[in-house]
């Protein structure tokens, strides 16, 4: 179950809305066994899920005082790259934009 604030979505740009949805979808984790295979429910036969945490959870002050840990360093390197989704491709994804 994902809960989304309709008030935010109503005023969000297409890019911000898509970013929000992707962020929330990243929270959906699939439970895996020691071999990395999905674990299935005995009741439903469907994969078992869990609420996945963020890749990086840190306070600015913590990083300022103690320095960047490996996850923060990785995030910094990723942030230096251009995003995969450009404004042009964002408009092309939107059915309303394509019709209009």
Protein backbone atom coordinates (compact mmCIF):
# COMPACT_ATOMS: atom_id res chain seq x y z
CA UNK A 1 0.00 0.00 0.00
CA UNK A 2 1.36 3.39 -1.00
CA UNK A 3 -0.21 6.57 0.36
CA UNK A 4 0.17 9.68 -1.79
CA UNK A 5 -0.87 13.22 -0.81
CA UNK A 6 -3.39 14.33 -3.44
CA UNK A 7 -2.88 18.00 -2.53
CA UNK A 8 0.82 17.71 -3.35
CA UNK A 9 0.14 15.76 -6.56
CA UNK A 10 -2.34 18.37 -7.75
CA UNK A 11 0.32 21.10 -7.74
CA UNK A 12 3.38 18.96 -8.60
CA UNK A 13 5.07 19.21 -11.98
CA UNK A 14 5.07 16.06 -14.12
CA UNK A 15 8.71 15.53 -13.19
CA UNK A 16 8.10 15.95 -9.44
CA UNK A 17 5.08 13.64 -9.56
CA UNK A 18 7.01 10.90 -11.40
CA UNK A 19 9.93 11.32 -9.01
CA UNK A 20 7.58 10.94 -6.01
CA UNK A 21 5.98 7.78 -7.42
CA UNK A 22 9.37 6.24 -8.20
CA UNK A 23 10.62 7.12 -4.71
CA UNK A 24 7.64 5.40 -3.12
CA UNK A 25 8.02 2.33 -5.37
CA UNK A 26 11.65 1.98 -4.21
CA UNK A 27 10.25 1.39 -0.71
CA UNK A 28 8.70 -1.89 -1.91
CA UNK A 29 11.19 -4.65 -1.22
CA UNK A 30 10.84 -8.35 -2.03
CA UNK A 31 11.95 -10.73 0.71
CA UNK A 32 14.71 -13.08 -0.46
CA UNK A 33 16.25 -16.28 0.87
CA UNK A 34 19.97 -16.87 1.48
CA UNK A 35 20.43 -17.66 -2.24
CA UNK A 36 18.79 -14.40 -3.32
CA UNK A 37 15.62 -16.09 -4.54
CA UNK A 38 12.24 -14.47 -3.76
CA UNK A 39 10.33 -15.88 -0.79
CA UNK A 40 6.70 -16.71 -1.55
CA UNK A 41 3.72 -16.67 0.78
CA UNK A 42 2.26 -20.07 1.64
CA UNK A 43 -1.21 -18.48 1.69
CA UNK A 44 -1.21 -16.50 -1.56
CA UNK A 45 1.68 -17.91 -3.58
CA UNK A 46 2.81 -14.33 -4.21
CA UNK A 47 6.20 -12.88 -3.27
CA UNK A 48 6.49 -11.56 0.28
CA UNK A 49 7.22 -7.84 0.55
CA UNK A 50 8.75 -5.54 3.13
CA UNK A 51 9.17 -1.79 3.58
CA UNK A 52 12.64 -0.98 2.24
CA UNK A 53 14.56 1.88 3.85
CA UNK A 54 16.44 4.63 2.07
CA UNK A 55 19.86 3.91 0.53
CA UNK A 56 21.37 6.83 2.44
CA UNK A 57 20.10 8.10 5.79
CA UNK A 58 22.32 10.77 7.28
CA UNK A 59 22.16 14.24 8.80
CA UNK A 60 24.10 17.13 7.26
CA UNK A 61 25.67 17.88 10.66
CA UNK A 62 26.81 14.27 11.03
CA UNK A 63 28.59 14.38 7.67
CA UNK A 64 30.05 17.81 8.46
CA UNK A 65 31.46 16.57 11.78
CA UNK A 66 32.55 13.05 10.86
CA UNK A 67 32.91 13.12 7.08
CA UNK A 68 31.10 11.20 4.37
CA UNK A 69 30.64 7.46 4.79
CA UNK A 70 30.75 5.13 1.77
CA UNK A 71 27.02 5.55 1.02
CA UNK A 72 27.28 9.35 1.04
CA UNK A 73 30.39 9.21 -1.18
CA UNK A 74 28.51 6.98 -3.62
CA UNK A 75 25.54 9.36 -3.62
CA UNK A 76 27.84 12.32 -4.34
CA UNK A 77 29.35 10.49 -7.34
CA UNK A 78 25.89 9.62 -8.66
CA UNK A 79 24.72 13.22 -8.19
CA UNK A 80 27.60 14.48 -10.36
CA UNK A 81 26.15 12.64 -13.38
CA UNK A 82 23.42 14.00 -15.63
CA UNK A 83 20.00 12.54 -14.82
CA UNK A 84 18.76 9.67 -16.99
CA UNK A 85 15.42 11.43 -17.51
CA UNK A 86 15.58 14.73 -19.38
CA UNK A 87 12.79 17.30 -19.60
CA UNK A 88 12.29 16.30 -23.26
CA UNK A 89 11.88 12.61 -22.46
CA UNK A 90 9.62 13.54 -19.53
CA UNK A 91 7.23 15.34 -21.88
CA UNK A 92 7.31 12.38 -24.30
CA UNK A 93 6.30 10.00 -21.47
CA UNK A 94 3.23 11.98 -20.61
CA UNK A 95 0.17 10.84 -22.55
CA UNK A 96 -1.48 14.24 -22.09
CA UNK A 97 1.58 16.06 -23.47
CA UNK A 98 1.74 13.78 -26.52
CA UNK A 99 -1.96 14.30 -27.29
CA UNK A 100 -1.80 18.08 -26.75
